[in-house]
Amino acid sequence: MDRRPPIFPALLLLSTCVSLSDSSPPPPPPPPPGPFADFVHPDSATSAVAAIEGALTAPVYRSFVTFAPALSIVGGHAPVPVAKSGSFRCAGGTAPLAAASAPPSVGPAIPDSVLFHVFAYDSATQSFKAAVDTGGPSNGVRFLLARVDSTGRPMFPLTTVGWLDVTDHSPAGGPDSLGGVLVGQGAPLLDYFMAPSGTSSAYGERIGGTFTGGGATFLFRDSTSRVGTQVAVTAILDDSTHRLRATLTATRTATDRYDWFYKLDFALRFGSDSIRLTGASDVYCLLPSIGVTVLVHDSTFANVTNGATPALPTITRADGQTATAAQTAAVLDLIRLQGELFNWMETFSLPGSLLLGP
């Protein structure tokens, strides 16, 4: 894979022979780059977003996002529970979310007693329970993932659409080293490593591997950390087929289930183009508030602020012109993609973090 930065087309200077007298002044220097850069290839950006999102459309990916916070193994380390608010009212002054708690970590990351075991979601307890099946991996466990609807809610009766194998590759005495393979549509779609450290309430984890779908395979690597209710993601996504590279550095800090602060720095390179988003996208009482700057080749194109509706923010070009429909669509696609990338990386890290002690 060629991971060198994209090379922009060189400016070709065509000159003709012109007789100049000795007194002719030298040509003026080129003007410095201006503060504004136009977004001239919005359709290409939209296509790049579609290529990345298209690789993660298999139903098992959506199921993984839904069930990952609830993954647990009987007899192993306690999972990181789904965070719950101390209050069911919408108010910024409510108590912070409680940090996860777990018993001390003893022995291997995955105890011998649960190797080969298969775990299935139990709707009565809203948790995973060991099934009779022992057809899981010899050095790990298998989680069956049920179909969910477009909002991420389990569909009843529960129907398995795939599974996640978590395998233990830790050397004696640590550190924890795990593998994850997500299988859907009869084939492995996600294959990656997890290297977690810390505790369930304050951990850091490196992950990396490939995910496949829509005829494309993407390489990713990420460092995710969690301290209490703050999650930080630093991710890189590559695809040589489409000449894409996405990078994301973002932090989400929740105060309760209705309110959180989110800071982002997201860049997408496709072909010879580079688009970057920087700023914040916070949520109060489940209503988004956005303040993001869009840069093209590191020069400002537009600012994105709150609009008439949360779904349609205002895009103000730096040159005072009106953004075209294609530019508006591409900017909204990019904002959506960076949020999805954050959620995917957080989800991919959860199977490793659930094996950590307090």
Protein backbone atom coordinates (compact mmCIF):
# COMPACT_ATOMS: atom_id res chain seq x y z
CA MET A 1 0.00 0.00 0.00
CA ASP A 2 1.34 3.42 -0.95
CA ARG A 3 0.96 5.56 2.19
CA ARG A 4 2.91 8.54 0.95
CA PRO A 5 1.09 11.89 1.05
CA PRO A 6 -0.73 12.67 -2.19
CA ILE A 7 1.36 14.53 -4.73
CA PHE A 8 -0.45 17.52 -6.10
CA PRO A 9 -0.08 18.25 -9.82
CA ALA A 10 2.88 20.46 -10.50
CA LEU A 11 2.27 23.84 -11.98
CA LEU A 12 3.72 23.86 -15.47
CA LEU A 13 5.15 27.16 -16.60
CA LEU A 14 5.21 27.58 -20.36
CA SER A 15 7.47 30.38 -21.49
CA THR A 16 8.29 31.86 -24.83
CA CYS A 17 11.50 33.53 -25.79
CA VAL A 18 11.07 37.26 -25.38
CA SER A 19 13.87 39.75 -25.83
CA LEU A 20 14.17 41.86 -22.69
CA SER A 21 16.41 44.87 -22.24
CA ASP A 22 18.84 44.98 -19.35
CA SER A 23 16.61 47.56 -17.66
CA SER A 24 13.53 45.31 -17.48
CA PRO A 25 12.43 44.71 -13.90
CA PRO A 26 12.23 41.11 -12.63
CA PRO A 27 8.79 39.50 -12.68
CA PRO A 28 6.78 39.96 -9.49
CA PRO A 29 6.71 37.03 -7.05
CA PRO A 30 3.60 34.85 -6.99
CA PRO A 31 0.94 36.03 -4.57
CA PRO A 32 0.82 34.29 -1.18
CA PRO A 33 -1.95 31.75 -0.64
CA GLY A 34 -5.20 33.43 0.28
CA PRO A 35 -7.36 32.66 3.33
CA PHE A 36 -10.07 31.10 1.18
CA ALA A 37 -9.99 27.87 -0.82
CA ASP A 38 -12.93 26.67 -2.87
CA PHE A 39 -14.32 23.17 -2.50
CA VAL A 40 -14.16 22.24 -6.17
CA HIS A 41 -14.66 18.47 -5.98
CA PRO A 42 -17.57 17.91 -3.57
CA ASP A 43 -18.88 14.96 -5.58
CA SER A 44 -15.55 13.18 -5.10
CA ALA A 45 -15.79 13.76 -1.35
CA THR A 46 -19.30 12.33 -1.32
CA SER A 47 -18.07 9.27 -3.23
CA ALA A 48 -15.22 8.82 -0.76
CA VAL A 49 -17.64 8.92 2.17
CA ALA A 50 -19.90 6.40 0.42
CA ALA A 51 -16.97 4.03 -0.12
CA ILE A 52 -16.09 4.02 3.59
CA GLU A 53 -19.67 3.75 4.79
CA GLY A 54 -20.39 1.09 2.16
CA ALA A 55 -17.79 -1.18 3.71
CA LEU A 56 -19.70 -1.22 7.01
CA THR A 57 -23.27 -1.81 5.86
CA ALA A 58 -23.53 -5.55 6.57
CA PRO A 59 -26.21 -6.18 9.24
CA VAL A 60 -23.65 -7.73 11.60
CA TYR A 61 -21.82 -4.39 11.92
CA ARG A 62 -24.95 -2.67 13.22
CA SER A 63 -25.53 -5.57 15.60
CA PHE A 64 -21.96 -5.30 16.86
CA VAL A 65 -22.45 -1.60 17.68
CA THR A 66 -25.65 -2.42 19.60
CA PHE A 67 -24.40 -5.37 21.61
CA ALA A 68 -20.72 -4.51 22.18
CA PRO A 69 -21.36 -2.60 25.46
CA ALA A 70 -23.16 -5.65 26.87
CA LEU A 71 -20.57 -8.31 25.97
CA SER A 72 -19.60 -10.41 29.00
CA ILE A 73 -18.05 -13.78 29.77
CA VAL A 74 -19.08 -15.85 32.78
CA GLY A 75 -16.09 -16.36 35.06
CA GLY A 76 -13.95 -13.77 33.31
CA HIS A 77 -13.29 -10.13 33.98
CA ALA A 78 -16.42 -8.03 34.39
CA PRO A 79 -17.57 -6.13 31.33
CA VAL A 80 -17.71 -2.39 30.99
CA PRO A 81 -21.44 -1.80 31.58
CA VAL A 82 -23.58 0.52 29.53
CA ALA A 83 -23.24 3.89 31.22
CA LYS A 84 -26.37 5.01 33.02
CA SER A 85 -27.33 8.49 34.03
CA GLY A 86 -27.83 9.37 37.66
CA SER A 87 -30.91 11.31 36.58
CA PHE A 88 -33.60 10.89 33.97
CA ARG A 89 -34.13 14.61 33.59
CA CYS A 90 -32.29 16.80 31.13
CA ALA A 91 -30.03 19.13 33.08
CA GLY A 92 -26.38 19.99 32.74
CA GLY A 93 -25.99 19.97 36.51
CA THR A 94 -26.81 16.31 37.04
CA ALA A 95 -24.18 14.04 38.54
CA PRO A 96 -21.58 12.61 36.16
CA LEU A 97 -22.05 9.07 34.89
CA ALA A 98 -20.79 6.47 37.32
CA ALA A 99 -17.49 4.85 36.42
CA ALA A 100 -17.51 1.14 35.63
CA SER A 101 -16.54 -1.30 38.37
CA ALA A 102 -15.15 -4.81 38.09
CA PRO A 103 -13.50 -7.50 40.26
CA PRO A 104 -9.71 -7.79 40.18
CA SER A 105 -8.11 -9.35 37.09
CA VAL A 106 -6.59 -12.74 37.86
CA GLY A 107 -5.02 -15.23 35.48
CA PRO A 108 -5.24 -15.11 31.69
CA ALA A 109 -7.34 -12.55 29.85
CA ILE A 110 -9.84 -15.29 28.98
CA PRO A 111 -10.08 -18.01 31.67
CA ASP A 112 -9.58 -21.61 30.59
CA SER A 113 -13.00 -22.44 32.01
CA VAL A 114 -14.80 -20.55 29.24
CA LEU A 115 -12.63 -21.46 26.23
CA PHE A 116 -14.68 -22.90 23.35
CA HIS A 117 -17.83 -21.41 24.88
CA VAL A 118 -20.50 -19.60 22.88
CA PHE A 119 -22.48 -16.75 24.44
CA ALA A 120 -25.90 -15.60 23.28
CA TYR A 121 -27.91 -12.52 24.19
CA ASP A 122 -30.65 -13.11 26.75
CA SER A 123 -33.42 -10.53 26.38
CA ALA A 124 -34.82 -11.23 29.85
CA THR A 125 -31.62 -10.14 31.60
CA GLN A 126 -30.36 -7.94 28.73
CA SER A 127 -26.98 -9.66 28.96
CA PHE A 128 -25.01 -12.44 27.32
CA LYS A 129 -25.30 -15.94 28.78
CA ALA A 130 -23.32 -19.08 28.03
CA ALA A 131 -25.16 -21.34 25.59
CA VAL A 132 -25.01 -25.12 25.40
CA ASP A 133 -22.90 -24.80 22.24
CA THR A 134 -19.14 -25.19 22.76
CA GLY A 135 -18.17 -24.62 19.14
CA GLY A 136 -16.24 -21.42 19.83
CA PRO A 137 -12.51 -20.93 19.25
CA SER A 138 -10.09 -23.11 21.22
CA ASN A 139 -8.28 -20.08 22.63
CA GLY A 140 -11.26 -17.83 23.14
CA VAL A 141 -15.01 -17.33 23.13
CA ARG A 142 -17.74 -16.59 20.63
CA PHE A 143 -20.55 -14.03 20.94
CA LEU A 144 -23.63 -14.56 18.78
CA LEU A 145 -24.99 -11.27 17.46
CA ALA A 146 -28.72 -10.89 16.80
CA ARG A 147 -30.34 -8.78 14.11
CA VAL A 148 -31.26 -5.20 15.04
CA ASP A 149 -33.44 -2.63 13.31
CA SER A 150 -32.34 0.66 11.76
CA THR A 151 -32.39 2.33 15.19
CA GLY A 152 -30.19 -0.35 16.77
CA ARG A 153 -32.93 -2.13 18.72
CA PRO A 154 -32.99 -5.95 18.80
CA MET A 155 -35.62 -7.50 16.55
CA PHE A 156 -37.79 -10.27 17.96
CA PRO A 157 -37.71 -13.16 17.73
CA LEU A 158 -33.94 -12.92 18.02
CA THR A 159 -32.20 -14.06 14.83
CA THR A 160 -28.44 -14.51 14.62
CA VAL A 161 -26.82 -12.53 11.79
CA GLY A 162 -23.22 -13.26 12.70
CA TRP A 163 -20.79 -13.59 15.54
CA LEU A 164 -17.67 -12.17 17.12
CA ASP A 165 -14.78 -14.46 18.07
CA VAL A 166 -12.47 -13.03 20.75
CA THR A 167 -9.23 -14.98 21.13
CA ASP A 168 -6.46 -14.73 23.71
CA HIS A 169 -2.88 -14.37 22.47
CA SER A 170 -1.45 -13.01 25.72
CA PRO A 171 2.00 -14.21 26.78
CA ALA A 172 2.38 -15.70 30.25
CA GLY A 173 2.27 -12.90 32.77
CA GLY A 174 0.81 -10.41 30.27
CA PRO A 175 0.29 -7.95 28.82
CA ASP A 176 -3.14 -8.72 27.41
CA SER A 177 -3.12 -9.37 23.68
CA LEU A 178 -6.39 -10.29 22.00
CA GLY A 179 -7.72 -10.98 18.55
CA GLY A 180 -11.17 -10.24 17.19
CA VAL A 181 -12.90 -11.65 14.12
CA LEU A 182 -16.39 -10.47 13.20
CA VAL A 183 -18.20 -12.90 10.90
CA GLY A 184 -21.29 -12.00 8.88
CA GLN A 185 -22.84 -13.17 5.62
CA GLY A 186 -20.78 -16.34 5.91
CA ALA A 187 -17.39 -14.57 5.81
CA PRO A 188 -15.03 -12.70 8.14
CA LEU A 189 -15.63 -8.97 7.70
CA LEU A 190 -13.54 -7.53 10.53
CA ASP A 191 -10.17 -8.98 11.60
CA TYR A 192 -8.12 -7.07 14.16
CA PHE A 193 -5.94 -7.09 17.27
CA MET A 194 -6.64 -5.50 20.65
CA ALA A 195 -4.01 -4.51 23.21
CA PRO A 196 -5.84 -3.12 26.26
CA SER A 197 -4.24 -1.87 29.47
CA GLY A 198 -5.43 -0.17 32.63
CA THR A 199 -8.78 -0.69 34.31
CA SER A 200 -12.37 -0.81 33.16
CA SER A 201 -12.91 2.79 34.29
CA ALA A 202 -9.56 4.19 33.11
CA TYR A 203 -7.97 2.36 30.22
CA GLY A 204 -5.99 2.76 27.06
CA GLU A 205 -6.17 0.39 24.13
CA ARG A 206 -4.45 0.00 20.80
CA ILE A 207 -6.37 -1.72 18.04
CA GLY A 208 -5.67 -2.30 14.37
CA GLY A 209 -6.58 -4.53 11.46
CA THR A 210 -8.90 -4.60 8.46
CA PHE A 211 -12.60 -4.39 7.75
CA THR A 212 -14.22 -5.43 4.51
CA GLY A 213 -17.47 -4.74 2.70
CA GLY A 214 -18.92 -3.27 -0.45
CA GLY A 215 -16.04 -4.64 -2.50
CA ALA A 216 -13.43 -2.68 -0.51
CA THR A 217 -11.01 -3.49 2.29
CA PHE A 218 -9.81 -0.78 4.68
CA LEU A 219 -6.85 -0.87 7.02
CA PHE A 220 -7.27 0.91 10.33
CA ARG A 221 -5.33 1.59 13.48
CA ASP A 222 -6.51 3.42 16.53
CA SER A 223 -5.69 4.36 20.08
CA THR A 224 -8.75 4.68 22.30
CA SER A 225 -8.71 5.77 25.93
CA ARG A 226 -11.43 6.13 28.53
CA VAL A 227 -11.26 7.91 31.87
CA GLY A 228 -14.62 7.80 33.61
CA THR A 229 -17.07 9.19 31.06
CA GLN A 230 -14.51 10.74 28.73
CA VAL A 231 -13.57 8.78 25.61
CA ALA A 232 -10.74 9.85 23.30
CA VAL A 233 -10.09 8.37 19.86
CA THR A 234 -7.10 8.79 17.56
CA ALA A 235 -7.69 6.81 14.38
CA ILE A 236 -6.24 6.38 10.90
CA LEU A 237 -8.08 4.68 8.05
CA ASP A 238 -6.46 3.74 4.73
CA ASP A 239 -7.59 2.28 1.43
CA SER A 240 -5.20 2.06 -1.52
CA THR A 241 -7.93 1.00 -3.97
CA HIS A 242 -9.80 4.29 -3.69
CA ARG A 243 -6.72 6.31 -2.63
CA LEU A 244 -8.44 7.31 0.60
CA ARG A 245 -7.04 8.23 4.00
CA ALA A 246 -9.12 9.41 6.92
CA THR A 247 -7.70 10.60 10.23
CA LEU A 248 -9.67 11.47 13.34
CA THR A 249 -8.69 12.90 16.70
CA ALA A 250 -11.77 13.41 18.86
CA THR A 251 -12.85 13.49 22.49
CA ARG A 252 -16.35 13.00 23.88
CA THR A 253 -17.11 13.90 27.49
CA ALA A 254 -20.55 12.97 28.80
CA THR A 255 -22.23 14.60 31.77
CA ASP A 256 -25.33 12.40 31.55
CA ARG A 257 -27.13 10.42 28.88
CA TYR A 258 -28.61 13.59 27.36
CA ASP A 259 -25.62 15.94 27.37
CA TRP A 260 -22.03 15.68 26.15
CA PHE A 261 -19.17 17.73 24.77
CA TYR A 262 -17.43 16.60 21.61
CA LYS A 263 -14.26 18.08 20.09
CA LEU A 264 -13.06 16.90 16.69
CA ASP A 265 -10.25 17.20 14.19
CA PHE A 266 -11.06 15.11 11.13
CA ALA A 267 -9.31 14.99 7.76
CA LEU A 268 -10.15 13.07 4.60
CA ARG A 269 -7.72 12.78 1.71
CA PHE A 270 -9.03 11.41 -1.56
CA GLY A 271 -6.95 11.50 -4.69
CA SER A 272 -5.18 14.86 -4.66
CA ASP A 273 -7.79 16.58 -2.47
CA SER A 274 -7.73 17.16 1.27
CA ILE A 275 -10.71 18.24 3.40
CA ARG A 276 -10.48 18.91 7.12
CA LEU A 277 -13.06 19.60 9.81
CA THR A 278 -12.11 21.15 13.15
CA GLY A 279 -14.24 22.38 16.01
CA ALA A 280 -16.94 21.06 18.29
CA SER A 281 -20.28 19.30 18.02
CA ASP A 282 -21.88 19.28 21.45
CA VAL A 283 -25.26 17.99 22.57
CA TYR A 284 -27.55 19.48 25.21
CA CYS A 285 -30.88 17.84 26.01
CA LEU A 286 -30.28 15.63 22.93
CA LEU A 287 -30.19 18.75 20.73
CA PRO A 288 -26.93 19.21 18.78
CA SER A 289 -24.98 22.43 18.74
CA ILE A 290 -22.24 22.68 16.14
CA GLY A 291 -19.33 25.00 15.46
CA VAL A 292 -17.01 23.53 12.83
CA THR A 293 -14.56 25.03 10.33
CA VAL A 294 -14.16 23.33 6.95
CA LEU A 295 -10.72 23.62 5.37
CA VAL A 296 -9.66 22.68 1.84
CA HIS A 297 -5.92 22.09 1.58
CA ASP A 298 -5.61 23.82 4.98
CA SER A 299 -7.29 27.03 3.77
CA THR A 300 -10.72 27.96 5.06
CA PHE A 301 -13.68 27.12 2.87
CA ALA A 302 -16.62 27.55 5.24
CA ASN A 303 -17.92 27.59 8.79
CA VAL A 304 -20.72 25.32 9.97
CA THR A 305 -23.02 26.64 12.70
CA ASN A 306 -26.48 25.92 14.07
CA GLY A 307 -29.23 26.17 11.49
CA ALA A 308 -33.00 26.31 11.43
CA THR A 309 -33.15 22.62 12.34
CA PRO A 310 -30.58 20.29 13.94
CA ALA A 311 -30.52 18.19 10.76
CA LEU A 312 -29.67 21.15 8.55
CA PRO A 313 -26.93 23.39 9.99
CA THR A 314 -25.90 26.64 8.35
CA ILE A 315 -22.87 26.49 6.04
CA THR A 316 -21.30 29.91 5.48
CA ARG A 317 -18.56 30.15 2.87
CA ALA A 318 -15.55 32.27 3.78
CA ASP A 319 -15.82 34.23 0.51
CA GLY A 320 -19.42 35.24 1.17
CA GLN A 321 -20.83 33.16 -1.70
CA THR A 322 -23.60 30.63 -1.25
CA ALA A 323 -22.49 27.00 -0.96
CA THR A 324 -23.72 24.86 -3.82
CA ALA A 325 -26.06 21.94 -3.19
CA ALA A 326 -23.21 19.52 -3.88
CA GLN A 327 -20.90 21.34 -1.44
CA THR A 328 -23.58 21.38 1.25
CA ALA A 329 -24.28 17.67 0.79
CA ALA A 330 -20.57 16.80 0.93
CA VAL A 331 -19.97 18.80 4.11
CA LEU A 332 -22.92 17.12 5.83
CA ASP A 333 -21.62 13.72 4.63
CA LEU A 334 -18.20 14.45 6.15
CA ILE A 335 -19.71 15.53 9.47
CA ARG A 336 -21.73 12.33 9.59
CA LEU A 337 -18.75 10.14 8.65
CA GLN A 338 -16.45 11.46 11.39
CA GLY A 339 -19.12 10.71 13.99
CA GLU A 340 -19.56 7.20 12.63
CA LEU A 341 -15.80 6.65 12.65
CA PHE A 342 -15.67 7.65 16.32
CA ASN A 343 -18.45 5.20 17.15
CA TRP A 344 -16.85 2.37 15.16
CA MET A 345 -13.48 2.77 16.86
CA GLU A 346 -15.10 2.92 20.30
CA THR A 347 -17.11 -0.20 19.48
CA PHE A 348 -14.11 -2.11 18.13
CA SER A 349 -12.23 -1.41 21.38
CA LEU A 350 -14.96 -2.61 23.74
CA PRO A 351 -14.28 -6.40 23.57
CA GLY A 352 -10.74 -5.75 24.81
CA SER A 353 -11.71 -3.32 27.54
CA LEU A 354 -14.36 -5.66 28.97
CA LEU A 355 -11.58 -7.98 30.11
CA LEU A 356 -9.99 -5.36 32.35
CA GLY A 357 -10.36 -5.24 36.12
CA PRO A 358 -11.24 -2.16 38.22
